[in-house]
Protein backbone atom coordinates (compact mmCIF):
# COMPACT_ATOMS: atom_id res chain seq x y z
CA MET A 1 -29.17 -32.43 27.72
CA ILE A 2 -32.80 -32.35 28.95
CA ARG A 3 -34.14 -35.50 30.64
CA MET A 4 -37.75 -36.56 31.12
CA ALA A 5 -39.57 -34.87 33.98
CA GLY A 6 -41.01 -36.62 37.02
CA ILE A 7 -43.30 -35.88 39.97
CA PHE A 8 -42.99 -36.53 43.67
CA LEU A 9 -44.86 -35.83 46.91
CA ARG A 10 -43.26 -33.92 49.80
CA ASN A 11 -44.99 -32.73 52.95
CA GLY A 12 -48.38 -33.24 51.39
CA LYS A 13 -47.57 -31.17 48.28
CA TRP A 14 -46.82 -32.33 44.74
CA TYR A 15 -43.71 -31.21 42.89
CA CYS A 16 -42.27 -31.65 39.42
CA ARG A 17 -38.56 -32.03 38.71
CA GLN A 18 -36.42 -32.19 35.61
CA ARG A 19 -32.69 -32.17 34.94
CA LYS A 20 -31.69 -29.54 32.41
CA GLY A 21 -28.06 -29.22 31.36
CA GLY A 22 -26.74 -30.92 34.48
CA ARG A 23 -28.90 -28.83 36.81
CA LEU A 24 -31.91 -30.21 38.65
CA VAL A 25 -34.92 -27.90 38.40
CA VAL A 26 -37.79 -28.38 40.88
CA TRP A 27 -41.09 -26.49 41.00
CA SER A 28 -44.23 -26.76 43.09
CA LEU A 29 -47.50 -27.76 41.46
CA ALA A 30 -49.57 -26.11 44.18
CA LYS A 31 -49.63 -22.84 42.21
CA PHE A 32 -51.52 -24.75 39.50
CA GLY A 33 -54.14 -25.90 42.02
CA ILE A 34 -52.87 -29.49 41.94
CA LYS A 35 -53.60 -31.47 45.12
CA THR A 36 -54.08 -35.12 44.11
CA GLU A 37 -51.87 -37.71 42.45
CA ALA A 38 -54.25 -37.95 39.50
CA GLN A 39 -53.98 -34.20 38.91
CA ALA A 40 -50.20 -34.36 39.19
CA LEU A 41 -49.98 -37.21 36.67
CA LYS A 42 -52.23 -35.33 34.24
CA TYR A 43 -50.02 -32.23 34.58
CA LEU A 44 -46.90 -34.34 33.97
CA ALA A 45 -48.38 -35.88 30.82
CA GLU A 46 -49.32 -32.45 29.42
CA TYR A 47 -45.94 -31.01 30.36
CA GLN A 48 -44.05 -33.84 28.67
CA LYS A 49 -46.23 -33.50 25.57
CA SER A 50 -45.50 -29.76 25.40
CA ALA A 51 -41.78 -30.32 26.00
CA LEU A 52 -41.70 -32.95 23.27
CA ALA A 53 -43.42 -30.58 20.86
CA ASP A 54 -40.86 -27.88 21.65
CA ARG A 55 -38.01 -30.36 21.11
CA LEU A 56 -39.45 -31.53 17.81
CA ALA A 57 -39.83 -27.92 16.72
CA GLU A 58 -36.14 -27.41 17.39
CA LEU A 59 -35.20 -30.52 15.42
CA ASP A 60 -37.74 -29.88 12.65
CA PRO A 61 -38.89 -26.22 12.56
CA SER A 62 -41.53 -27.13 9.95
CA THR A 63 -43.65 -28.72 12.71
CA ILE A 64 -44.23 -25.33 14.34
CA LYS A 65 -47.83 -24.24 14.81
CA LEU A 66 -49.33 -20.83 14.15
CA GLN A 67 -49.53 -19.67 17.78
CA GLU A 68 -45.93 -20.65 18.45
CA PHE A 69 -44.85 -18.90 15.28
CA ILE A 70 -46.61 -15.70 16.35
CA ASP A 71 -44.78 -15.83 19.69
CA LYS A 72 -41.43 -16.47 18.01
CA TYR A 73 -42.03 -13.82 15.36
CA THR A 74 -42.79 -11.07 17.87
CA LYS A 75 -39.77 -12.10 19.94
CA LEU A 76 -37.31 -12.31 17.05
CA ARG A 77 -38.46 -9.08 15.43
CA GLN A 78 -38.28 -6.97 18.59
CA GLY A 79 -35.81 -4.16 18.12
CA GLN A 80 -35.71 -4.68 14.34
CA ILE A 81 -38.90 -2.81 13.52
CA ALA A 82 -40.87 -0.08 15.27
CA VAL A 83 -43.00 -1.11 18.25
CA SER A 84 -46.15 0.12 16.50
CA SER A 85 -45.29 -1.89 13.36
CA LEU A 86 -44.65 -5.04 15.38
CA ALA A 87 -47.99 -4.57 17.13
CA ARG A 88 -49.70 -4.29 13.73
CA TYR A 89 -48.09 -7.55 12.58
CA GLU A 90 -49.31 -9.24 15.74
CA VAL A 91 -52.87 -8.01 15.16
CA SER A 92 -52.92 -9.43 11.62
CA LEU A 93 -51.38 -12.77 12.63
CA LYS A 94 -53.80 -13.18 15.53
CA ALA A 95 -56.69 -12.46 13.17
CA LEU A 96 -55.39 -15.32 11.03
CA LEU A 97 -55.10 -17.51 14.13
CA ALA A 98 -58.69 -16.72 15.12
CA GLY A 99 -59.90 -17.72 11.66
CA LEU A 100 -57.79 -20.83 10.99
CA GLY A 101 -57.17 -22.10 14.50
CA ASN A 102 -53.80 -23.19 15.84
CA ILE A 103 -52.87 -25.26 12.78
CA ALA A 104 -49.38 -26.18 11.68
CA LEU A 105 -47.69 -23.40 9.79
CA ARG A 106 -47.11 -25.67 6.81
CA ALA A 107 -50.87 -26.44 6.71
CA ILE A 108 -51.63 -22.84 5.73
CA THR A 109 -52.55 -23.15 2.06
CA PRO A 110 -53.79 -20.66 -0.53
CA ALA A 111 -57.22 -22.29 -0.21
CA LYS A 112 -57.32 -21.72 3.55
CA ILE A 113 -56.19 -18.13 3.06
CA SER A 114 -58.97 -17.59 0.49
CA GLU A 115 -61.54 -19.04 2.89
CA TRP A 116 -60.23 -16.79 5.67
CA ILE A 117 -60.49 -13.75 3.36
CA ALA A 118 -64.11 -14.59 2.51
CA ASN A 119 -65.02 -14.89 6.19
CA ARG A 120 -63.32 -11.59 7.01
CA LEU A 121 -65.22 -9.79 4.26
CA GLN A 122 -68.52 -11.34 5.38
CA SER A 123 -67.86 -10.18 8.94
CA GLY A 124 -67.76 -6.58 7.74
CA VAL A 125 -64.02 -5.96 7.37
CA THR A 126 -63.40 -3.69 4.38
CA PRO A 127 -61.33 -4.91 1.41
CA ASN A 128 -58.65 -2.37 2.29
CA GLY A 129 -58.62 -3.67 5.87
CA VAL A 130 -58.27 -7.26 4.70
CA ASN A 131 -55.46 -6.29 2.34
CA ALA A 132 -53.62 -4.54 5.17
CA ASP A 133 -53.75 -7.79 7.15
CA LEU A 134 -52.67 -9.84 4.13
CA ARG A 135 -49.60 -7.67 3.55
CA HIS A 136 -48.45 -8.24 7.13
CA ILE A 137 -49.24 -11.96 7.01
CA ARG A 138 -47.40 -12.39 3.72
CA ALA A 139 -44.31 -10.60 5.03
CA ALA A 140 -44.33 -12.65 8.25
CA LEU A 141 -44.59 -15.95 6.37
CA ARG A 142 -41.64 -14.94 4.21
CA HIS A 143 -39.64 -14.60 7.41
CA ALA A 144 -40.81 -18.11 8.35
CA VAL A 145 -39.20 -19.36 5.14
CA ASP A 146 -35.97 -17.52 5.95
CA TRP A 147 -35.95 -19.07 9.44
CA GLY A 148 -36.47 -22.61 8.11
CA MET A 149 -39.98 -22.93 9.53
CA LEU A 150 -41.56 -23.15 6.08
CA GLN A 151 -40.27 -24.64 2.88
CA GLN A 152 -42.31 -22.24 0.80
CA ALA A 153 -44.74 -19.48 1.71
CA PRO A 154 -48.28 -19.86 0.33
CA LYS A 155 -49.25 -17.55 -2.49
CA ILE A 156 -51.47 -14.77 -1.23
CA LYS A 157 -53.68 -12.78 -3.57
CA MET A 158 -54.93 -9.38 -2.50
CA VAL A 159 -58.61 -8.49 -2.55
CA LYS A 160 -59.54 -6.36 -5.54
CA VAL A 161 -60.50 -2.83 -4.55
CA ASP A 162 -61.80 0.13 -6.48
CA ASN A 163 -59.01 2.37 -7.71
CA SER A 164 -60.60 5.42 -6.11
CA LEU A 165 -59.15 8.90 -6.21
CA PRO A 166 -56.99 9.88 -3.24
CA ARG A 167 -58.45 12.01 -0.47
CA TYR A 168 -57.15 15.55 -0.22
CA ILE A 169 -58.43 18.79 1.25
CA GLU A 170 -59.54 21.66 -0.97
CA PRO A 171 -57.93 25.03 -0.11
CA ASP A 172 -61.17 26.67 1.08
CA GLU A 173 -62.05 23.65 3.25
CA LEU A 174 -58.55 23.64 4.70
CA ASP A 175 -58.90 27.31 5.61
CA LEU A 176 -62.18 26.60 7.40
CA ILE A 177 -60.59 23.83 9.45
CA LEU A 178 -57.34 25.58 10.35
CA SER A 179 -59.04 28.87 11.20
CA ALA A 180 -61.04 27.02 13.85
CA GLU A 181 -57.88 25.97 15.72
CA ASP A 182 -57.27 28.09 18.83
CA ASN A 183 -54.47 25.96 20.31
CA PRO A 184 -51.11 27.35 19.08
CA ALA A 185 -49.27 24.05 19.65
CA HIS A 186 -51.85 22.11 17.68
CA ARG A 187 -51.93 24.69 14.89
CA ALA A 188 -48.14 24.48 14.62
CA LEU A 189 -48.41 20.70 14.20
CA TRP A 190 -51.07 20.94 11.47
CA ASP A 191 -49.09 23.57 9.58
CA PHE A 192 -45.90 21.53 9.80
CA LEU A 193 -47.61 18.39 8.48
CA LEU A 194 -49.16 20.35 5.62
CA TRP A 195 -45.97 22.11 4.55
CA THR A 196 -43.71 19.06 4.82
CA GLY A 197 -45.96 16.12 3.97
CA CYS A 198 -44.69 14.25 7.04
CA ARG A 199 -46.55 11.33 8.54
CA ARG A 200 -47.86 11.87 12.06
CA SER A 201 -45.35 9.31 13.43
CA GLU A 202 -42.51 11.19 11.76
CA ALA A 203 -43.59 14.46 13.37
CA LEU A 204 -43.98 12.70 16.71
CA GLY A 205 -40.40 11.41 16.58
CA LEU A 206 -38.83 14.65 15.35
CA GLN A 207 -36.26 16.14 17.72
CA TRP A 208 -34.64 19.56 17.72
CA LYS A 209 -31.25 18.02 17.00
CA ASP A 210 -32.73 16.84 13.69
CA ILE A 211 -33.52 20.42 12.64
CA SER A 212 -30.98 22.53 10.77
CA LEU A 213 -31.90 26.09 9.79
CA THR A 214 -28.60 27.07 8.16
CA PRO A 215 -27.50 27.33 5.46
CA THR A 216 -30.69 25.70 4.10
CA PRO A 217 -33.55 24.81 6.46
CA MET A 218 -33.77 21.01 6.60
CA ALA A 219 -35.18 18.32 8.87
CA LYS A 220 -34.05 14.71 9.25
CA VAL A 221 -37.10 12.50 9.74
CA THR A 222 -37.35 8.77 10.39
CA GLY A 223 -40.04 7.07 8.32
CA LYS A 224 -41.28 3.55 7.77
CA GLY A 225 -38.74 0.81 8.31
CA ARG A 226 -36.65 3.31 10.30
CA LYS A 227 -35.45 4.80 7.04
CA GLN A 228 -34.17 8.33 7.45
CA ARG A 229 -34.46 11.11 4.90
CA LEU A 230 -33.84 14.84 4.68
CA ILE A 231 -36.75 17.10 3.85
CA PRO A 232 -36.58 20.81 3.00
CA LEU A 233 -38.35 23.23 5.32
CA LEU A 234 -40.22 26.00 3.54
CA PRO A 235 -40.71 29.30 5.43
CA GLN A 236 -44.19 28.21 6.53
CA ALA A 237 -42.77 25.02 8.04
CA VAL A 238 -40.00 26.96 9.79
CA GLN A 239 -42.58 29.39 11.15
CA ALA A 240 -44.62 26.46 12.47
CA LEU A 241 -41.58 25.23 14.40
CA GLY A 242 -41.22 28.50 16.27
CA GLU A 243 -38.05 29.31 18.18
CA LYS A 244 -35.48 26.54 17.82
CA LYS A 245 -34.44 24.74 20.98
CA ASP A 246 -31.26 22.78 21.67
CA ILE A 247 -32.68 19.47 22.87
CA GLY A 248 -35.92 17.56 23.20
CA PHE A 249 -38.79 16.67 20.91
CA VAL A 250 -40.33 19.28 18.66
CA PHE A 251 -43.98 18.37 19.15
CA PRO A 252 -46.02 17.15 22.18
CA GLN A 253 -45.09 13.58 23.15
CA VAL A 254 -48.38 11.74 23.30
CA HIS A 255 -49.71 8.54 21.75
CA PRO A 256 -50.02 8.99 17.95
CA ASP A 257 -53.75 8.37 18.18
CA VAL A 258 -54.06 11.47 20.37
CA TYR A 259 -52.91 13.56 17.39
CA THR A 260 -55.79 12.04 15.41
CA LYS A 261 -58.29 12.78 18.19
CA TRP A 262 -57.13 16.40 18.29
CA TRP A 263 -57.72 16.65 14.55
CA GLN A 264 -61.15 15.02 14.74
CA LYS A 265 -62.15 17.42 17.49
CA LEU A 266 -60.97 20.35 15.34
CA VAL A 267 -62.98 19.12 12.34
CA ARG A 268 -66.10 18.83 14.49
CA LYS A 269 -65.58 22.37 15.73
CA ALA A 270 -65.05 23.75 12.21
CA SER A 271 -68.20 21.94 11.10
CA SER A 272 -70.22 23.69 13.79
CA GLN A 273 -69.52 27.20 12.48
CA CYS A 274 -72.64 29.18 11.64
CA THR A 275 -72.51 30.78 8.19
CA THR A 276 -74.65 33.65 9.46
CA CYS A 277 -72.82 34.82 12.58
CA ASP A 278 -69.57 32.78 12.23
CA ALA A 279 -69.94 31.44 15.78
CA TYR A 280 -69.04 27.81 16.44
CA SER A 281 -72.42 27.03 17.90
CA LEU A 282 -74.38 24.86 15.48
CA LYS A 283 -76.20 21.91 17.00
CA LYS A 284 -78.31 19.30 15.28
CA GLU A 285 -81.95 19.14 16.25
CA ASN A 286 -83.95 16.49 14.41
CA ASP A 287 -83.08 16.97 10.74
CA ARG A 288 -81.93 20.60 11.00
CA TRP A 289 -78.94 22.49 12.37
CA SER A 290 -79.65 25.41 14.68
CA CYS A 291 -77.28 28.15 15.79
CA GLN A 292 -77.29 28.68 19.54
CA GLY A 293 -76.06 32.25 19.02
CA CYS A 294 -78.22 33.88 16.35
CA ASN A 295 -80.97 31.23 16.19
CA ALA A 296 -80.39 30.70 12.47
CA SER A 297 -81.54 27.32 11.15
CA PHE A 298 -80.13 25.24 8.29
CA SER A 299 -81.14 22.03 6.61
CA ILE A 300 -77.48 21.11 6.08
CA ASN A 301 -74.21 22.39 7.44
CA ARG A 302 -70.49 21.97 6.81
CA TYR A 303 -70.22 18.75 8.78
CA ALA A 304 -71.05 16.57 5.80
CA ILE A 305 -68.25 18.26 3.85
CA LEU A 306 -65.52 18.58 6.48
CA ALA A 307 -66.06 15.43 8.55
CA LYS A 308 -64.61 13.21 5.82
CA HIS A 309 -61.15 14.77 6.14
CA ARG A 310 -58.65 12.69 8.13
CA LEU A 311 -55.39 13.82 9.63
CA HIS A 312 -53.46 11.75 7.08
CA ASP A 313 -55.17 13.76 4.33
CA LEU A 314 -52.81 16.63 5.17
CA ARG A 315 -50.03 14.44 3.76
CA HIS A 316 -52.08 13.62 0.67
CA THR A 317 -52.81 17.32 0.23
CA ALA A 318 -49.13 18.23 0.51
CA ALA A 319 -48.24 15.68 -2.18
CA THR A 320 -51.02 16.88 -4.47
CA TYR A 321 -50.18 20.56 -4.11
CA MET A 322 -46.48 19.97 -4.75
CA ILE A 323 -47.15 18.18 -8.01
CA VAL A 324 -49.69 20.76 -9.16
CA LYS A 325 -47.07 23.46 -8.56
CA GLY A 326 -44.70 21.65 -10.89
CA VAL A 327 -42.40 19.90 -8.41
CA PRO A 328 -40.93 16.86 -10.24
CA LEU A 329 -42.39 13.52 -9.19
CA ARG A 330 -39.00 12.14 -8.14
CA VAL A 331 -38.48 15.10 -5.85
CA VAL A 332 -41.94 14.67 -4.31
CA GLN A 333 -41.20 10.97 -3.86
CA ASP A 334 -37.97 11.75 -2.00
CA ILE A 335 -39.67 14.36 0.21
CA LEU A 336 -42.53 12.05 1.17
CA GLY A 337 -40.37 8.94 1.50
CA HIS A 338 -42.41 6.77 -0.87
CA ALA A 339 -40.73 3.48 -1.77
CA ASP A 340 -42.68 3.32 -5.04
CA ILE A 341 -43.21 6.33 -7.29
CA LYS A 342 -46.63 4.91 -8.23
CA THR A 343 -47.79 5.90 -4.75
CA THR A 344 -46.68 9.47 -5.39
CA MET A 345 -48.48 9.53 -8.71
CA HIS A 346 -51.67 8.18 -7.15
CA TYR A 347 -51.75 10.91 -4.50
CA SER A 348 -51.66 13.54 -7.20
CA LYS A 349 -54.60 12.37 -9.30
CA GLY A 350 -57.43 14.35 -7.75
CA LEU A 351 -56.24 17.95 -7.82
CA ALA A 352 -53.98 17.30 -10.78
CA ALA A 353 -57.09 16.53 -12.83
CA SER A 354 -58.47 19.99 -12.05
CA HIS A 355 -55.12 21.52 -12.94
CA LEU A 356 -55.14 19.71 -16.29
CA TYR A 357 -58.61 21.08 -17.03
CA TYR A 358 -57.50 24.69 -16.51
CA THR A 359 -54.33 24.08 -18.49
CA LEU A 360 -56.32 22.77 -21.44
CA TYR A 361 -58.90 25.55 -21.13
CA GLU A 362 -56.19 28.17 -21.17
CA ALA A 363 -54.51 26.55 -24.17
CA PHE A 364 -57.72 26.60 -26.20
CA HIS A 365 -59.27 29.85 -24.96
CA GLY A 366 -56.27 31.90 -23.94
CA GLN A 367 -57.51 32.35 -20.37
CA LYS A 368 -58.78 30.45 -17.37
């Protein structure tokens, strides 16, 4: 049983005390900068109000406010989902908190969500970015229902986005990028991602104990939601691994974003290659690109073409190439770890369209 708190003065300092479960708890108010009786009484009133709110939340979870829910959500979900995923949930929920204020959870209505969406879009957040937040918010509020904090989660409608073609890397562009890599460890990582379709986080978490080279080369990777799957390792992927070790992680253990920075640096280097002397020495001067080696000058260079390619596009490219080569969609889905086969089909649209053209051309003309 928790009794009401009280204050008292001892040796010129103010203290607060409260009996909790038969034990008397006493703490000094000096650390809060409290020196006068008026300050102590104000602190007591605020403390009792906060304690009452916590007690009411225990008796009636539906009175919980958004900030308290965020705190409880991050605490209750620790250890159940990946640290990076939990951090992403927290980012989305705090964005909602910033837009709606610390309102009661049950006061979050579809209308308030729609208003929040409009403000996010007006502030420059892309529709895809807003939708990413909405997916995390929707999932978190469903947990609130399961925990008795909400009677019913508000309906959340996603922002409509253009159904654009997936991003993948053409073979000649991929050659330009990979040929610019002079770090063997980095090149091994890029090759492995390309020939397996793994996510960067999956490669980061891959350990040597998860690799089996006999009788059939396979790797056990841990994907989203800590779901594990086996993926086949083609000769190119095995070659990227190099000599198998007994223990430890396969690839450098750095923050996942470092992988992305390595890739971006590689793309910038590949973009600086001079088409005249092949040196990586192009620099932009005004509206032209000049080679520092042979003094050649260009109005455009490869940067505009290569700079658009992200690290994650290696995964898209792997999916696209597999389907073009005739690998069944269900097999590609299993390899990539897609929960929905529609995702697999979407990744294949770009290059598959070119493949369909050549197939039709050959059917009607007898040759490509």
